[in-house]
Amino acid sequence: MGIEMLAQEFGPERDQAMAGPLGLFVTVFLVVVTIFLIRGMNKHVRRLNERVAREAAAAEAAARPAEDDTPRT
């Protein structure tokens, strides 16, 4: 009898336990912010990859000897 009584009285009533409009707003806000952060980071990584490729190509071009500068006879 005591255990049944404790199980019935545990926790708030259903009306008090339901999420309200504030919970929905916070959830939607977090989802939107996460989407914008992911999109911004993807753009940043894409630009970074392009810059690294350009720098690697420039370093490779500087490392090989200049064949066009030598006179041909």
PDB file of N, CA and C in Angstrom:
ATOM      1  N   MET A   1       0.825  -1.190   0.000  1.00  0.00           N
ATOM      2  CA  MET A   1       0.000   0.000   0.000  1.00  0.00           C
ATOM      3  C   MET A   1       0.871   1.257   0.000  1.00  0.00           C
ATOM      4  N   GLY A   2       1.972   1.251   0.694  1.00  0.00           N
ATOM      5  CA  GLY A   2       2.838   2.414   0.766  1.00  0.00           C
ATOM      6  C   GLY A   2       3.566   2.665  -0.558  1.00  0.00           C
ATOM      7  N   ILE A   3       3.990   1.607  -1.236  1.00  0.00           N
ATOM      8  CA  ILE A   3       4.702   1.757  -2.505  1.00  0.00           C
ATOM      9  C   ILE A   3       3.767   2.289  -3.582  1.00  0.00           C
ATOM     10  N   GLU A   4       2.559   1.805  -3.630  1.00  0.00           N
ATOM     11  CA  GLU A   4       1.587   2.290  -4.620  1.00  0.00           C
ATOM     12  C   GLU A   4       1.295   3.774  -4.398  1.00  0.00           C
ATOM     13  N   MET A   5       1.230   4.177  -3.185  1.00  0.00           N
ATOM     14  CA  MET A   5       0.939   5.571  -2.872  1.00  0.00           C
ATOM     15  C   MET A   5       2.104   6.467  -3.312  1.00  0.00           C
ATOM     16  N   LEU A   6       3.349   6.036  -3.104  1.00  0.00           N
ATOM     17  CA  LEU A   6       4.510   6.809  -3.517  1.00  0.00           C
ATOM     18  C   LEU A   6       4.586   6.909  -5.041  1.00  0.00           C
ATOM     19  N   ALA A   7       4.286   5.825  -5.746  1.00  0.00           N
ATOM     20  CA  ALA A   7       4.353   5.819  -7.204  1.00  0.00           C
ATOM     21  C   ALA A   7       3.315   6.761  -7.797  1.00  0.00           C
ATOM     22  N   GLN A   8       2.198   6.904  -7.191  1.00  0.00           N
ATOM     23  CA  GLN A   8       1.154   7.773  -7.712  1.00  0.00           C
ATOM     24  C   GLN A   8       1.445   9.242  -7.443  1.00  0.00           C
ATOM     25  N   GLU A   9       2.166   9.548  -6.397  1.00  0.00           N
ATOM     26  CA  GLU A   9       2.415  10.933  -6.030  1.00  0.00           C
ATOM     27  C   GLU A   9       3.750  11.453  -6.559  1.00  0.00           C
ATOM     28  N   PHE A  10       4.514  10.648  -7.254  1.00  0.00           N
ATOM     29  CA  PHE A  10       5.841  11.040  -7.704  1.00  0.00           C
ATOM     30  C   PHE A  10       5.741  11.973  -8.907  1.00  0.00           C
ATOM     31  N   GLY A  11       6.482  13.072  -8.891  1.00  0.00           N
ATOM     32  CA  GLY A  11       6.568  13.984 -10.027  1.00  0.00           C
ATOM     33  C   GLY A  11       5.416  14.962 -10.087  1.00  0.00           C
ATOM     34  N   PRO A  12       5.577  15.991 -10.955  1.00  0.00           N
ATOM     35  CA  PRO A  12       4.507  16.991 -11.100  1.00  0.00           C
ATOM     36  C   PRO A  12       3.334  16.431 -11.900  1.00  0.00           C
ATOM     37  N   GLU A  13       2.225  17.131 -11.827  1.00  0.00           N
ATOM     38  CA  GLU A  13       1.057  16.704 -12.601  1.00  0.00           C
ATOM     39  C   GLU A  13       1.315  16.930 -14.083  1.00  0.00           C
ATOM     40  N   ARG A  14       0.534  16.313 -14.934  1.00  0.00           N
ATOM     41  CA  ARG A  14       0.769  16.360 -16.382  1.00  0.00           C
ATOM     42  C   ARG A  14       0.713  17.793 -16.918  1.00  0.00           C
ATOM     43  N   ASP A  15      -0.184  18.615 -16.450  1.00  0.00           N
ATOM     44  CA  ASP A  15      -0.295  19.994 -16.931  1.00  0.00           C
ATOM     45  C   ASP A  15       0.963  20.805 -16.598  1.00  0.00           C
ATOM     46  N   GLN A  16       1.572  20.512 -15.482  1.00  0.00           N
ATOM     47  CA  GLN A  16       2.765  21.243 -15.077  1.00  0.00           C
ATOM     48  C   GLN A  16       4.016  20.717 -15.774  1.00  0.00           C
ATOM     49  N   ALA A  17       4.015  19.478 -16.239  1.00  0.00           N
ATOM     50  CA  ALA A  17       5.207  18.854 -16.800  1.00  0.00           C
ATOM     51  C   ALA A  17       5.345  19.075 -18.304  1.00  0.00           C
ATOM     52  N   MET A  18       4.342  19.551 -18.971  1.00  0.00           N
ATOM     53  CA  MET A  18       4.405  19.725 -20.426  1.00  0.00           C
ATOM     54  C   MET A  18       5.240  20.953 -20.778  1.00  0.00           C
ATOM     55  N   ALA A  19       5.978  20.841 -21.870  1.00  0.00           N
ATOM     56  CA  ALA A  19       6.793  21.967 -22.332  1.00  0.00           C
ATOM     57  C   ALA A  19       5.875  23.046 -22.891  1.00  0.00           C
ATOM     58  N   GLY A  20       6.231  24.260 -22.642  1.00  0.00           N
ATOM     59  CA  GLY A  20       5.430  25.378 -23.118  1.00  0.00           C
ATOM     60  C   GLY A  20       6.036  26.013 -24.345  1.00  0.00           C
ATOM     61  N   PRO A  21       5.505  27.159 -24.738  1.00  0.00           N
ATOM     62  CA  PRO A  21       6.016  27.857 -25.917  1.00  0.00           C
ATOM     63  C   PRO A  21       7.468  28.309 -25.750  1.00  0.00           C
ATOM     64  N   LEU A  22       7.891  28.563 -24.521  1.00  0.00           N
ATOM     65  CA  LEU A  22       9.280  28.965 -24.300  1.00  0.00           C
ATOM     66  C   LEU A  22      10.233  27.823 -24.650  1.00  0.00           C
ATOM     67  N   GLY A  23       9.888  26.611 -24.300  1.00  0.00           N
ATOM     68  CA  GLY A  23      10.707  25.451 -24.645  1.00  0.00           C
ATOM     69  C   GLY A  23      10.797  25.259 -26.151  1.00  0.00           C
ATOM     70  N   LEU A  24       9.693  25.472 -26.841  1.00  0.00           N
ATOM     71  CA  LEU A  24       9.690  25.372 -28.298  1.00  0.00           C
ATOM     72  C   LEU A  24      10.573  26.450 -28.903  1.00  0.00           C
ATOM     73  N   PHE A  25      10.468  27.670 -28.399  1.00  0.00           N
ATOM     74  CA  PHE A  25      11.280  28.772 -28.902  1.00  0.00           C
ATOM     75  C   PHE A  25      12.766  28.498 -28.696  1.00  0.00           C
ATOM     76  N   VAL A  26      13.150  28.032 -27.537  1.00  0.00           N
ATOM     77  CA  VAL A  26      14.557  27.741 -27.256  1.00  0.00           C
ATOM     78  C   VAL A  26      15.064  26.643 -28.177  1.00  0.00           C
ATOM     79  N   THR A  27      14.281  25.610 -28.386  1.00  0.00           N
ATOM     80  CA  THR A  27      14.682  24.501 -29.252  1.00  0.00           C
ATOM     81  C   THR A  27      14.854  24.969 -30.689  1.00  0.00           C
ATOM     82  N   VAL A  28      13.894  25.707 -31.211  1.00  0.00           N
ATOM     83  CA  VAL A  28      13.981  26.203 -32.593  1.00  0.00           C
ATOM     84  C   VAL A  28      15.159  27.166 -32.728  1.00  0.00           C
ATOM     85  N   PHE A  29      15.354  28.016 -31.737  1.00  0.00           N
ATOM     86  CA  PHE A  29      16.475  28.962 -31.765  1.00  0.00           C
ATOM     87  C   PHE A  29      17.809  28.219 -31.820  1.00  0.00           C
ATOM     88  N   LEU A  30      17.969  27.193 -31.002  1.00  0.00           N
ATOM     89  CA  LEU A  30      19.214  26.424 -31.004  1.00  0.00           C
ATOM     90  C   LEU A  30      19.436  25.709 -32.332  1.00  0.00           C
ATOM     91  N   VAL A  31      18.386  25.196 -32.935  1.00  0.00           N
ATOM     92  CA  VAL A  31      18.513  24.525 -34.232  1.00  0.00           C
ATOM     93  C   VAL A  31      18.944  25.524 -35.299  1.00  0.00           C
ATOM     94  N   VAL A  32      18.324  26.697 -35.328  1.00  0.00           N
ATOM     95  CA  VAL A  32      18.662  27.719 -36.331  1.00  0.00           C
ATOM     96  C   VAL A  32      20.096  28.202 -36.140  1.00  0.00           C
ATOM     97  N   VAL A  33      20.503  28.453 -34.910  1.00  0.00           N
ATOM     98  CA  VAL A  33      21.870  28.897 -34.643  1.00  0.00           C
ATOM     99  C   VAL A  33      22.871  27.824 -35.070  1.00  0.00           C
ATOM    100  N   THR A  34      22.563  26.570 -34.797  1.00  0.00           N
ATOM    101  CA  THR A  34      23.450  25.476 -35.193  1.00  0.00           C
ATOM    102  C   THR A  34      23.585  25.398 -36.701  1.00  0.00           C
ATOM    103  N   ILE A  35      22.492  25.578 -37.434  1.00  0.00           N
ATOM    104  CA  ILE A  35      22.542  25.547 -38.898  1.00  0.00           C
ATOM    105  C   ILE A  35      23.428  26.674 -39.421  1.00  0.00           C
ATOM    106  N   PHE A  36      23.263  27.882 -38.875  1.00  0.00           N
ATOM    107  CA  PHE A  36      24.093  28.997 -39.325  1.00  0.00           C
ATOM    108  C   PHE A  36      25.568  28.781 -38.987  1.00  0.00           C
ATOM    109  N   LEU A  37      25.853  28.216 -37.825  1.00  0.00           N
ATOM    110  CA  LEU A  37      27.236  27.936 -37.463  1.00  0.00           C
ATOM    111  C   LEU A  37      27.859  26.906 -38.402  1.00  0.00           C
ATOM    112  N   ILE A  38      27.112  25.877 -38.751  1.00  0.00           N
ATOM    113  CA  ILE A  38      27.621  24.849 -39.665  1.00  0.00           C
ATOM    114  C   ILE A  38      27.879  25.443 -41.037  1.00  0.00           C
ATOM    115  N   ARG A  39      26.951  26.250 -41.532  1.00  0.00           N
ATOM    116  CA  ARG A  39      27.139  26.866 -42.857  1.00  0.00           C
ATOM    117  C   ARG A  39      28.348  27.800 -42.859  1.00  0.00           C
ATOM    118  N   GLY A  40      28.496  28.604 -41.827  1.00  0.00           N
ATOM    119  CA  GLY A  40      29.629  29.515 -41.742  1.00  0.00           C
ATOM    120  C   GLY A  40      30.954  28.771 -41.656  1.00  0.00           C
ATOM    121  N   MET A  41      30.981  27.701 -40.896  1.00  0.00           N
ATOM    122  CA  MET A  41      32.214  26.933 -40.773  1.00  0.00           C
ATOM    123  C   MET A  41      32.550  26.220 -42.079  1.00  0.00           C
ATOM    124  N   ASN A  42      31.552  25.742 -42.806  1.00  0.00           N
ATOM    125  CA  ASN A  42      31.811  25.123 -44.108  1.00  0.00           C
ATOM    126  C   ASN A  42      32.426  26.130 -45.075  1.00  0.00           C
ATOM    127  N   LYS A  43      31.922  27.360 -45.087  1.00  0.00           N
ATOM    128  CA  LYS A  43      32.494  28.397 -45.953  1.00  0.00           C
ATOM    129  C   LYS A  43      33.940  28.680 -45.551  1.00  0.00           C
ATOM    130  N   HIS A  44      34.181  28.769 -44.258  1.00  0.00           N
ATOM    131  CA  HIS A  44      35.525  29.055 -43.774  1.00  0.00           C
ATOM    132  C   HIS A  44      36.504  27.944 -44.164  1.00  0.00           C
ATOM    133  N   VAL A  45      36.109  26.704 -43.986  1.00  0.00           N
ATOM    134  CA  VAL A  45      36.983  25.579 -44.327  1.00  0.00           C
ATOM    135  C   VAL A  45      37.222  25.519 -45.828  1.00  0.00           C
ATOM    136  N   ARG A  46      36.202  25.813 -46.626  1.00  0.00           N
ATOM    137  CA  ARG A  46      36.366  25.804 -48.083  1.00  0.00           C
ATOM    138  C   ARG A  46      37.385  26.866 -48.510  1.00  0.00           C
ATOM    139  N   ARG A  47      37.291  28.079 -47.948  1.00  0.00           N
ATOM    140  CA  ARG A  47      38.256  29.135 -48.272  1.00  0.00           C
ATOM    141  C   ARG A  47      39.648  28.768 -47.789  1.00  0.00           C
ATOM    142  N   LEU A  48      39.744  28.135 -46.637  1.00  0.00           N
ATOM    143  CA  LEU A  48      41.033  27.731 -46.103  1.00  0.00           C
ATOM    144  C   LEU A  48      41.684  26.687 -47.006  1.00  0.00           C
ATOM    145  N   ASN A  49      40.916  25.719 -47.491  1.00  0.00           N
ATOM    146  CA  ASN A  49      41.445  24.698 -48.391  1.00  0.00           C
ATOM    147  C   ASN A  49      41.955  25.323 -49.683  1.00  0.00           C
ATOM    148  N   GLU A  50      41.224  26.291 -50.221  1.00  0.00           N
ATOM    149  CA  GLU A  50      41.662  26.960 -51.447  1.00  0.00           C
ATOM    150  C   GLU A  50      42.958  27.725 -51.205  1.00  0.00           C
ATOM    151  N   ARG A  51      43.064  28.381 -50.056  1.00  0.00           N
ATOM    152  CA  ARG A  51      44.276  29.145 -49.747  1.00  0.00           C
ATOM    153  C   ARG A  51      45.478  28.217 -49.585  1.00  0.00           C
ATOM    154  N   VAL A  52      45.278  27.090 -48.920  1.00  0.00           N
ATOM    155  CA  VAL A  52      46.372  26.139 -48.733  1.00  0.00           C
ATOM    156  C   VAL A  52      46.809  25.582 -50.084  1.00  0.00           C
ATOM    157  N   ALA A  53      45.866  25.294 -50.974  1.00  0.00           N
ATOM    158  CA  ALA A  53      46.222  24.792 -52.304  1.00  0.00           C
ATOM    159  C   ALA A  53      47.006  25.847 -53.090  1.00  0.00           C
ATOM    160  N   ARG A  54      46.594  27.116 -53.016  1.00  0.00           N
ATOM    161  CA  ARG A  54      47.327  28.188 -53.709  1.00  0.00           C
ATOM    162  C   ARG A  54      48.741  28.337 -53.169  1.00  0.00           C
ATOM    163  N   GLU A  55      48.879  28.298 -51.850  1.00  0.00           N
ATOM    164  CA  GLU A  55      50.204  28.436 -51.247  1.00  0.00           C
ATOM    165  C   GLU A  55      51.097  27.254 -51.594  1.00  0.00           C
ATOM    166  N   ALA A  56      50.534  26.054 -51.655  1.00  0.00           N
ATOM    167  CA  ALA A  56      51.319  24.879 -52.021  1.00  0.00           C
ATOM    168  C   ALA A  56      51.768  24.971 -53.474  1.00  0.00           C
ATOM    169  N   ALA A  57      50.900  25.443 -54.358  1.00  0.00           N
ATOM    170  CA  ALA A  57      51.271  25.607 -55.761  1.00  0.00           C
ATOM    171  C   ALA A  57      52.349  26.676 -55.912  1.00  0.00           C
ATOM    172  N   ALA A  58      52.254  27.753 -55.164  1.00  0.00           N
ATOM    173  CA  ALA A  58      53.261  28.809 -55.226  1.00  0.00           C
ATOM    174  C   ALA A  58      54.602  28.311 -54.695  1.00  0.00           C
ATOM    175  N   ALA A  59      54.585  27.538 -53.629  1.00  0.00           N
ATOM    176  CA  ALA A  59      55.828  27.000 -53.071  1.00  0.00           C
ATOM    177  C   ALA A  59      56.462  26.008 -54.041  1.00  0.00           C
ATOM    178  N   GLU A  60      55.642  25.214 -54.693  1.00  0.00           N
ATOM    179  CA  GLU A  60      56.151  24.253 -55.675  1.00  0.00           C
ATOM    180  C   GLU A  60      56.747  24.970 -56.882  1.00  0.00           C
ATOM    181  N   ALA A  61      56.100  26.044 -57.325  1.00  0.00           N
ATOM    182  CA  ALA A  61      56.614  26.809 -58.459  1.00  0.00           C
ATOM    183  C   ALA A  61      57.919  27.512 -58.086  1.00  0.00           C
ATOM    184  N   ALA A  62      58.053  27.956 -56.868  1.00  0.00           N
ATOM    185  CA  ALA A  62      59.278  28.626 -56.435  1.00  0.00           C
ATOM    186  C   ALA A  62      60.421  27.632 -56.239  1.00  0.00           C
ATOM    187  N   ALA A  63      60.095  26.385 -55.910  1.00  0.00           N
ATOM    188  CA  ALA A  63      61.125  25.381 -55.634  1.00  0.00           C
ATOM    189  C   ALA A  63      61.755  24.826 -56.904  1.00  0.00           C
ATOM    190  N   ARG A  64      61.026  24.714 -57.982  1.00  0.00           N
ATOM    191  CA  ARG A  64      61.609  24.150 -59.209  1.00  0.00           C
ATOM    192  C   ARG A  64      62.401  25.228 -59.950  1.00  0.00           C
ATOM    193  N   PRO A  65      63.444  24.812 -60.621  1.00  0.00           N
ATOM    194  CA  PRO A  65      64.295  25.794 -61.310  1.00  0.00           C
ATOM    195  C   PRO A  65      63.555  26.453 -62.465  1.00  0.00           C
ATOM    196  N   ALA A  66      63.917  27.685 -62.695  1.00  0.00           N
ATOM    197  CA  ALA A  66      63.283  28.444 -63.772  1.00  0.00           C
ATOM    198  C   ALA A  66      63.930  28.050 -65.094  1.00  0.00           C
ATOM    199  N   GLU A  67      63.197  27.341 -65.930  1.00  0.00           N
ATOM    200  CA  GLU A  67      63.733  26.878 -67.208  1.00  0.00           C
ATOM    201  C   GLU A  67      63.585  27.929 -68.296  1.00  0.00           C
ATOM    202  N   ASP A  68      62.663  28.831 -68.145  1.00  0.00           N
ATOM    203  CA  ASP A  68      62.419  29.829 -69.181  1.00  0.00           C
ATOM    204  C   ASP A  68      63.469  30.931 -69.184  1.00  0.00           C
ATOM    205  N   ASP A  69      64.197  31.103 -68.092  1.00  0.00           N
ATOM    206  CA  ASP A  69      65.155  32.185 -67.987  1.00  0.00           C
ATOM    207  C   ASP A  69      66.512  31.880 -68.649  1.00  0.00           C
ATOM    208  N   THR A  70      66.804  30.619 -68.873  1.00  0.00           N
ATOM    209  CA  THR A  70      68.101  30.265 -69.440  1.00  0.00           C
ATOM    210  C   THR A  70      68.084  30.495 -70.953  1.00  0.00           C
ATOM    211  N   PRO A  71      69.139  31.130 -71.505  1.00  0.00           N
ATOM    212  CA  PRO A  71      69.174  31.357 -72.955  1.00  0.00           C
ATOM    213  C   PRO A  71      69.482  30.060 -73.697  1.00  0.00           C
ATOM    214  N   ARG A  72      68.837  29.871 -74.806  1.00  0.00           N
ATOM    215  CA  ARG A  72      69.062  28.671 -75.618  1.00  0.00           C
ATOM    216  C   ARG A  72      70.042  29.019 -76.736  1.00  0.00           C
ATOM    217  N   THR A  73      71.041  28.221 -76.888  1.00  0.00           N
ATOM    218  CA  THR A  73      72.020  28.449 -77.971  1.00  0.00           C
ATOM    219  C   THR A  73      72.254  27.218 -78.777  1.00  0.00           C
TER     220      THR A  73
END
